[in-house]
N, C-alpha and C. Protein backbone atom coordinates (compact mmCIF):
# COMPACT_ATOMS: atom_id res chain seq x y z
N MET A 1 -147.70 59.32 -51.25
CA MET A 1 -146.53 60.12 -52.32
C MET A 1 -147.79 60.90 -53.22
N PRO A 2 -147.49 62.22 -53.50
CA PRO A 2 -148.18 63.22 -54.44
C PRO A 2 -148.07 62.56 -55.96
N LEU A 3 -148.93 62.69 -56.60
CA LEU A 3 -149.00 61.96 -58.19
C LEU A 3 -147.71 62.73 -59.04
N SER A 4 -147.59 63.96 -58.90
CA SER A 4 -146.80 65.26 -59.30
C SER A 4 -145.35 64.69 -59.00
N SER A 5 -145.04 63.93 -58.06
CA SER A 5 -143.65 63.32 -57.61
C SER A 5 -143.22 62.09 -58.29
N LEU A 6 -144.25 61.48 -59.16
CA LEU A 6 -143.94 60.57 -59.73
C LEU A 6 -143.49 60.66 -61.13
N LEU A 7 -142.32 59.73 -61.81
CA LEU A 7 -142.07 60.05 -63.21
C LEU A 7 -142.43 58.74 -64.03
N TRP A 8 -142.75 58.47 -64.94
CA TRP A 8 -143.09 57.39 -65.87
C TRP A 8 -142.45 57.49 -66.76
N VAL A 9 -141.79 56.33 -67.37
CA VAL A 9 -140.94 56.09 -68.02
C VAL A 9 -141.36 54.97 -69.00
N LEU A 10 -141.78 55.24 -70.47
CA LEU A 10 -142.52 54.21 -71.22
C LEU A 10 -141.42 53.98 -72.39
N LEU A 11 -140.89 52.52 -72.35
CA LEU A 11 -140.02 52.18 -73.36
C LEU A 11 -140.70 51.59 -74.64
N ALA A 12 -140.25 51.94 -75.52
CA ALA A 12 -140.99 51.12 -76.98
C ALA A 12 -139.75 50.81 -77.91
N PHE A 13 -140.33 49.72 -78.46
CA PHE A 13 -139.61 49.22 -79.51
C PHE A 13 -139.14 49.95 -80.52
N THR A 14 -138.02 49.67 -81.00
CA THR A 14 -137.61 50.78 -81.91
C THR A 14 -136.92 50.25 -83.34
N PHE A 15 -135.98 50.85 -83.85
CA PHE A 15 -135.89 50.49 -85.48
C PHE A 15 -134.37 50.93 -85.22
N SER A 16 -133.97 50.03 -86.82
CA SER A 16 -132.50 50.56 -87.37
C SER A 16 -132.55 50.92 -88.54
N ALA A 17 -131.63 51.62 -88.87
CA ALA A 17 -131.43 52.60 -89.73
C ALA A 17 -131.44 51.71 -91.06
N SER A 18 -130.89 50.68 -91.64
CA SER A 18 -131.20 50.66 -92.79
C SER A 18 -131.12 48.86 -93.12
N CYS A 19 -130.36 48.14 -93.04
CA CYS A 19 -130.39 46.65 -93.36
C CYS A 19 -131.28 45.92 -92.18
N VAL A 20 -131.52 45.15 -92.83
CA VAL A 20 -132.56 43.94 -92.31
C VAL A 20 -131.65 43.23 -90.98
N ALA A 21 -130.36 42.92 -91.26
CA ALA A 21 -129.14 42.31 -90.45
C ALA A 21 -129.03 43.20 -89.09
N GLN A 22 -129.57 44.09 -89.22
CA GLN A 22 -129.37 45.19 -88.05
C GLN A 22 -131.00 44.96 -86.88
N LYS A 23 -130.77 44.82 -85.62
CA LYS A 23 -131.68 44.81 -84.94
C LYS A 23 -131.43 45.51 -83.35
N VAL A 24 -132.48 45.99 -83.08
CA VAL A 24 -132.66 46.83 -81.81
C VAL A 24 -133.91 46.23 -81.15
N THR A 25 -133.42 45.61 -80.06
CA THR A 25 -134.36 45.22 -78.91
C THR A 25 -134.70 45.94 -77.62
N GLN A 26 -136.13 46.42 -77.01
CA GLN A 26 -135.87 47.15 -76.07
C GLN A 26 -137.21 46.18 -75.07
N ASN A 27 -136.79 45.09 -73.98
CA ASN A 27 -137.47 44.42 -73.81
C ASN A 27 -137.96 44.77 -71.80
N GLN A 28 -137.38 46.14 -71.57
CA GLN A 28 -137.96 46.57 -70.29
C GLN A 28 -139.14 47.07 -70.27
N PRO A 29 -139.90 46.56 -69.03
CA PRO A 29 -141.10 47.05 -68.74
C PRO A 29 -141.26 48.62 -68.44
N ASP A 30 -142.10 49.23 -68.42
CA ASP A 30 -142.24 50.48 -68.11
C ASP A 30 -141.88 50.86 -66.73
N ILE A 31 -141.26 51.97 -66.64
CA ILE A 31 -140.00 52.63 -64.88
C ILE A 31 -141.18 53.50 -64.50
N SER A 32 -141.33 53.74 -63.39
CA SER A 32 -141.62 54.59 -62.54
C SER A 32 -140.34 54.77 -61.31
N SER A 33 -140.13 56.14 -61.58
CA SER A 33 -139.49 56.62 -60.26
C SER A 33 -139.81 57.75 -59.90
N GLN A 34 -138.85 58.83 -59.09
CA GLN A 34 -139.29 60.11 -58.14
C GLN A 34 -138.37 61.09 -58.78
N VAL A 35 -139.03 62.10 -58.58
CA VAL A 35 -137.96 63.36 -59.15
C VAL A 35 -136.59 63.25 -58.39
N GLY A 36 -135.81 63.57 -58.81
CA GLY A 36 -134.55 63.67 -58.53
C GLY A 36 -133.39 62.46 -58.52
N GLN A 37 -134.21 61.43 -58.64
CA GLN A 37 -133.71 60.12 -59.17
C GLN A 37 -132.89 59.86 -60.20
N SER A 38 -132.30 58.61 -60.14
CA SER A 38 -131.70 58.03 -61.29
C SER A 38 -132.31 57.29 -61.96
N VAL A 39 -132.52 56.73 -62.96
CA VAL A 39 -133.25 55.73 -64.10
C VAL A 39 -132.51 55.00 -64.86
N THR A 40 -132.42 53.80 -65.22
CA THR A 40 -131.57 53.41 -66.38
C THR A 40 -132.46 52.71 -67.05
N LEU A 41 -132.13 52.98 -68.26
CA LEU A 41 -133.27 52.33 -69.49
C LEU A 41 -132.31 51.40 -70.43
N ASN A 42 -132.52 50.26 -70.68
CA ASN A 42 -131.76 49.11 -71.13
C ASN A 42 -132.09 48.73 -72.86
N CYS A 43 -131.02 48.57 -73.59
CA CYS A 43 -131.45 48.37 -75.08
C CYS A 43 -130.24 47.22 -75.66
N ARG A 44 -130.67 46.46 -76.26
CA ARG A 44 -129.71 45.35 -76.58
C ARG A 44 -129.94 45.16 -78.19
N TYR A 45 -128.72 44.73 -79.09
CA TYR A 45 -128.73 45.20 -80.29
C TYR A 45 -127.99 44.08 -81.02
N GLU A 46 -128.00 43.96 -82.28
CA GLU A 46 -127.28 43.31 -83.49
C GLU A 46 -126.90 43.70 -84.33
N THR A 47 -125.59 43.33 -84.96
CA THR A 47 -125.44 44.32 -86.03
C THR A 47 -124.15 43.35 -86.61
N SER A 48 -124.16 43.56 -88.27
CA SER A 48 -122.93 42.95 -88.78
C SER A 48 -122.29 44.10 -89.24
N TRP A 49 -122.16 45.60 -89.14
CA TRP A 49 -121.69 46.75 -89.09
C TRP A 49 -120.28 46.54 -88.03
N THR A 50 -119.17 46.93 -88.77
CA THR A 50 -118.04 47.52 -87.89
C THR A 50 -118.11 48.38 -87.27
N TYR A 51 -118.50 49.40 -88.15
CA TYR A 51 -118.78 50.84 -87.19
C TYR A 51 -120.26 51.25 -87.27
N TYR A 52 -120.59 51.72 -86.19
CA TYR A 52 -121.70 52.09 -85.90
C TYR A 52 -122.14 52.91 -84.94
N TYR A 53 -123.28 53.74 -84.85
CA TYR A 53 -123.88 54.66 -83.89
C TYR A 53 -124.87 53.94 -83.00
N LEU A 54 -125.20 54.05 -81.68
CA LEU A 54 -126.44 53.90 -80.99
C LEU A 54 -126.94 55.48 -80.48
N VAL A 55 -127.86 55.55 -81.02
CA VAL A 55 -128.30 56.89 -80.61
C VAL A 55 -130.10 56.84 -79.56
N TRP A 56 -130.05 57.53 -78.72
CA TRP A 56 -130.99 57.71 -77.82
C TRP A 56 -132.21 59.00 -78.22
N TYR A 57 -133.21 58.80 -78.01
CA TYR A 57 -134.11 59.82 -78.62
C TYR A 57 -135.30 59.63 -77.46
N LYS A 58 -136.17 60.39 -77.10
CA LYS A 58 -137.33 60.92 -76.23
C LYS A 58 -138.24 61.42 -77.02
N GLN A 59 -139.42 60.69 -76.89
CA GLN A 59 -140.84 61.23 -77.52
C GLN A 59 -141.60 61.80 -76.74
N LEU A 60 -141.58 63.21 -77.26
CA LEU A 60 -142.66 64.08 -76.29
C LEU A 60 -143.95 63.86 -76.75
N PRO A 61 -144.82 64.04 -75.45
CA PRO A 61 -146.33 64.05 -75.91
C PRO A 61 -146.97 64.48 -77.20
N SER A 62 -146.36 65.04 -77.94
CA SER A 62 -146.52 65.73 -79.14
C SER A 62 -146.21 65.01 -80.23
N GLY A 63 -145.48 63.97 -79.66
CA GLY A 63 -144.80 62.86 -81.07
C GLY A 63 -143.66 63.39 -81.73
N GLN A 64 -142.94 64.15 -81.31
CA GLN A 64 -142.05 64.86 -81.70
C GLN A 64 -140.92 64.15 -81.28
N MET A 65 -139.70 63.61 -81.68
CA MET A 65 -138.71 63.03 -81.53
C MET A 65 -137.69 63.97 -80.83
N THR A 66 -136.82 63.63 -79.69
CA THR A 66 -135.83 64.53 -79.54
C THR A 66 -134.57 64.12 -79.04
N TYR A 67 -133.56 64.42 -80.16
CA TYR A 67 -132.14 63.39 -79.71
C TYR A 67 -131.76 63.78 -78.28
N LEU A 68 -130.96 62.96 -77.87
CA LEU A 68 -130.40 62.86 -76.40
C LEU A 68 -129.23 62.67 -76.31
N ILE A 69 -128.58 61.33 -76.86
CA ILE A 69 -127.41 61.34 -76.74
C ILE A 69 -126.96 60.17 -77.92
N GLN A 70 -125.45 60.12 -78.28
CA GLN A 70 -125.42 59.39 -79.35
C GLN A 70 -124.11 58.49 -78.79
N GLN A 71 -123.58 57.27 -79.22
CA GLN A 71 -122.38 56.45 -78.96
C GLN A 71 -122.01 55.72 -80.07
N TYR A 72 -120.63 56.26 -80.21
CA TYR A 72 -120.09 55.55 -81.57
C TYR A 72 -119.31 54.33 -81.00
N SER A 73 -119.36 53.15 -82.23
CA SER A 73 -118.91 52.04 -81.43
C SER A 73 -117.43 51.91 -81.10
N GLU A 74 -116.72 53.07 -81.34
CA GLU A 74 -115.04 52.89 -81.27
C GLU A 74 -114.80 53.70 -80.01
N ASN A 75 -115.86 54.56 -79.42
CA ASN A 75 -115.51 55.25 -78.26
C ASN A 75 -116.08 54.55 -77.04
N SER A 76 -115.63 55.19 -75.83
CA SER A 76 -115.92 54.78 -74.59
C SER A 76 -117.04 55.63 -74.19
N ASN A 77 -117.70 55.42 -72.98
CA ASN A 77 -118.99 55.97 -72.76
C ASN A 77 -119.54 57.15 -72.72
N ALA A 78 -120.37 57.28 -73.59
CA ALA A 78 -120.74 58.73 -73.82
C ALA A 78 -121.46 59.50 -72.88
N ARG A 79 -121.23 61.18 -72.70
CA ARG A 79 -122.30 61.76 -71.64
C ARG A 79 -122.73 62.88 -72.23
N ASN A 80 -123.72 63.49 -71.79
CA ASN A 80 -124.47 64.56 -72.54
C ASN A 80 -125.48 65.37 -71.30
N GLY A 81 -124.60 66.20 -70.29
CA GLY A 81 -125.45 66.75 -69.21
C GLY A 81 -125.78 65.73 -68.53
N ARG A 82 -127.15 65.51 -68.25
CA ARG A 82 -128.17 64.69 -67.25
C ARG A 82 -127.89 62.99 -67.66
N TYR A 83 -127.78 63.22 -69.20
CA TYR A 83 -127.82 61.64 -70.05
C TYR A 83 -126.21 61.03 -69.92
N SER A 84 -126.11 60.21 -69.81
CA SER A 84 -124.57 59.13 -69.95
C SER A 84 -125.42 57.61 -70.32
N VAL A 85 -124.39 56.78 -70.85
CA VAL A 85 -124.70 55.49 -71.25
C VAL A 85 -123.77 54.49 -71.02
N ASN A 86 -123.63 53.46 -70.68
CA ASN A 86 -122.96 52.38 -70.33
C ASN A 86 -123.00 51.48 -71.66
N PHE A 87 -122.09 51.46 -72.35
CA PHE A 87 -121.99 50.97 -73.53
C PHE A 87 -121.32 49.84 -73.50
N GLN A 88 -121.65 48.50 -73.88
CA GLN A 88 -121.00 47.39 -73.29
C GLN A 88 -121.07 46.80 -75.11
N LYS A 89 -119.97 46.62 -76.03
CA LYS A 89 -119.79 46.52 -77.00
C LYS A 89 -119.77 45.03 -77.17
N ALA A 90 -118.90 44.51 -76.15
CA ALA A 90 -118.65 42.77 -76.45
C ALA A 90 -120.06 42.06 -76.19
N ASP A 91 -121.26 42.69 -75.20
CA ASP A 91 -122.42 42.29 -74.92
C ASP A 91 -123.27 42.44 -76.08
N LYS A 92 -122.85 43.76 -76.49
CA LYS A 92 -123.90 44.33 -77.43
C LYS A 92 -125.03 44.62 -76.92
N SER A 93 -124.75 45.85 -75.84
CA SER A 93 -125.84 46.27 -75.10
C SER A 93 -125.72 47.68 -74.40
N ILE A 94 -126.45 48.60 -74.54
CA ILE A 94 -126.12 50.01 -74.24
C ILE A 94 -127.31 50.43 -73.11
N SER A 95 -126.96 51.13 -72.09
CA SER A 95 -128.10 51.73 -71.43
C SER A 95 -128.00 53.02 -71.01
N LEU A 96 -129.21 53.70 -71.29
CA LEU A 96 -129.44 55.37 -70.77
C LEU A 96 -129.77 55.53 -69.39
N ILE A 97 -128.28 56.08 -68.87
CA ILE A 97 -128.53 56.83 -67.50
C ILE A 97 -128.87 58.09 -67.53
N ILE A 98 -130.31 58.44 -66.51
CA ILE A 98 -130.93 59.68 -66.90
C ILE A 98 -130.62 59.70 -65.11
N SER A 99 -129.98 61.02 -65.16
CA SER A 99 -130.09 61.40 -63.53
C SER A 99 -130.37 62.73 -63.24
N SER A 100 -130.70 63.21 -61.99
CA SER A 100 -131.84 64.07 -61.61
C SER A 100 -132.76 64.08 -62.29
N LEU A 101 -133.94 62.98 -62.05
CA LEU A 101 -134.96 63.29 -63.00
C LEU A 101 -135.91 64.34 -62.49
N GLN A 102 -136.60 64.81 -63.61
CA GLN A 102 -137.30 66.33 -63.68
C GLN A 102 -138.88 65.44 -64.19
N LEU A 103 -139.76 66.23 -63.91
CA LEU A 103 -141.32 65.69 -64.58
C LEU A 103 -140.95 65.69 -65.73
N GLU A 104 -140.34 66.37 -66.48
CA GLU A 104 -140.74 66.53 -68.26
C GLU A 104 -139.60 65.62 -68.65
N ASP A 105 -139.26 64.48 -67.68
CA ASP A 105 -138.44 63.27 -68.85
C ASP A 105 -139.71 62.14 -68.54
N SER A 106 -140.56 62.26 -68.22
CA SER A 106 -141.74 61.51 -68.23
C SER A 106 -142.03 61.47 -69.95
N ALA A 107 -141.96 60.30 -70.46
CA ALA A 107 -141.78 59.97 -72.12
C ALA A 107 -141.41 58.57 -72.72
N LYS A 108 -141.58 58.59 -73.75
CA LYS A 108 -141.19 57.09 -74.29
C LYS A 108 -139.60 57.36 -74.84
N TYR A 109 -138.81 56.25 -74.56
CA TYR A 109 -137.54 56.40 -74.98
C TYR A 109 -137.33 55.26 -76.01
N PHE A 110 -136.66 55.88 -76.97
CA PHE A 110 -136.16 54.96 -78.06
C PHE A 110 -134.80 54.84 -78.41
N CYS A 111 -134.24 53.71 -78.48
CA CYS A 111 -132.91 53.36 -78.81
C CYS A 111 -132.60 53.46 -80.14
N ALA A 112 -131.97 53.74 -80.80
CA ALA A 112 -131.59 53.45 -82.71
C ALA A 112 -130.36 52.93 -82.95
N LEU A 113 -130.11 52.29 -83.99
CA LEU A 113 -129.00 51.84 -84.33
C LEU A 113 -128.79 52.26 -86.01
N CYS A 114 -127.29 52.79 -85.88
CA CYS A 114 -127.51 53.29 -87.41
C CYS A 114 -126.01 53.18 -87.80
N ASP A 115 -125.66 53.10 -89.14
CA ASP A 115 -124.67 53.52 -89.76
C ASP A 115 -124.19 54.99 -89.62
N SER A 116 -122.88 55.17 -90.29
CA SER A 116 -122.41 56.62 -90.52
C SER A 116 -123.34 57.47 -91.16
N GLN A 117 -123.84 56.72 -91.92
CA GLN A 117 -124.69 57.88 -93.20
C GLN A 117 -125.91 58.36 -92.24
N CYS A 118 -126.24 57.78 -91.32
CA CYS A 118 -127.49 58.09 -90.88
C CYS A 118 -127.45 59.53 -90.06
N LEU A 119 -126.32 59.89 -89.80
CA LEU A 119 -125.94 60.96 -88.81
C LEU A 119 -125.18 62.16 -89.68
N LYS A 120 -125.31 61.97 -91.15
CA LYS A 120 -125.10 63.28 -91.95
C LYS A 120 -126.13 63.86 -92.41
């Protein structure tokens, strides 16, 4: 298999927006897949907030963070082009599904938890 057809995805520990009572954890190891396939990245969180957002970002090789998709705590699963989420509020987990993988999807991915103020 040519190296150019491999896709590398690196998960990194991420952050919460404000209070210490909030926590986000990404324990998944690095993932490799092939162009055209799908990949699922997992994230678990803890929060005392009633209403909140979970946001997925991709970090480009330059270090720039790029917004991908957000999930509001009171809505059903979000979708944005090739990106969708599987949001399980009761389990306090959210997965990012990237479909039709492309080489430019090779990156670090971050899951963030924030209250409604962080999106203003």
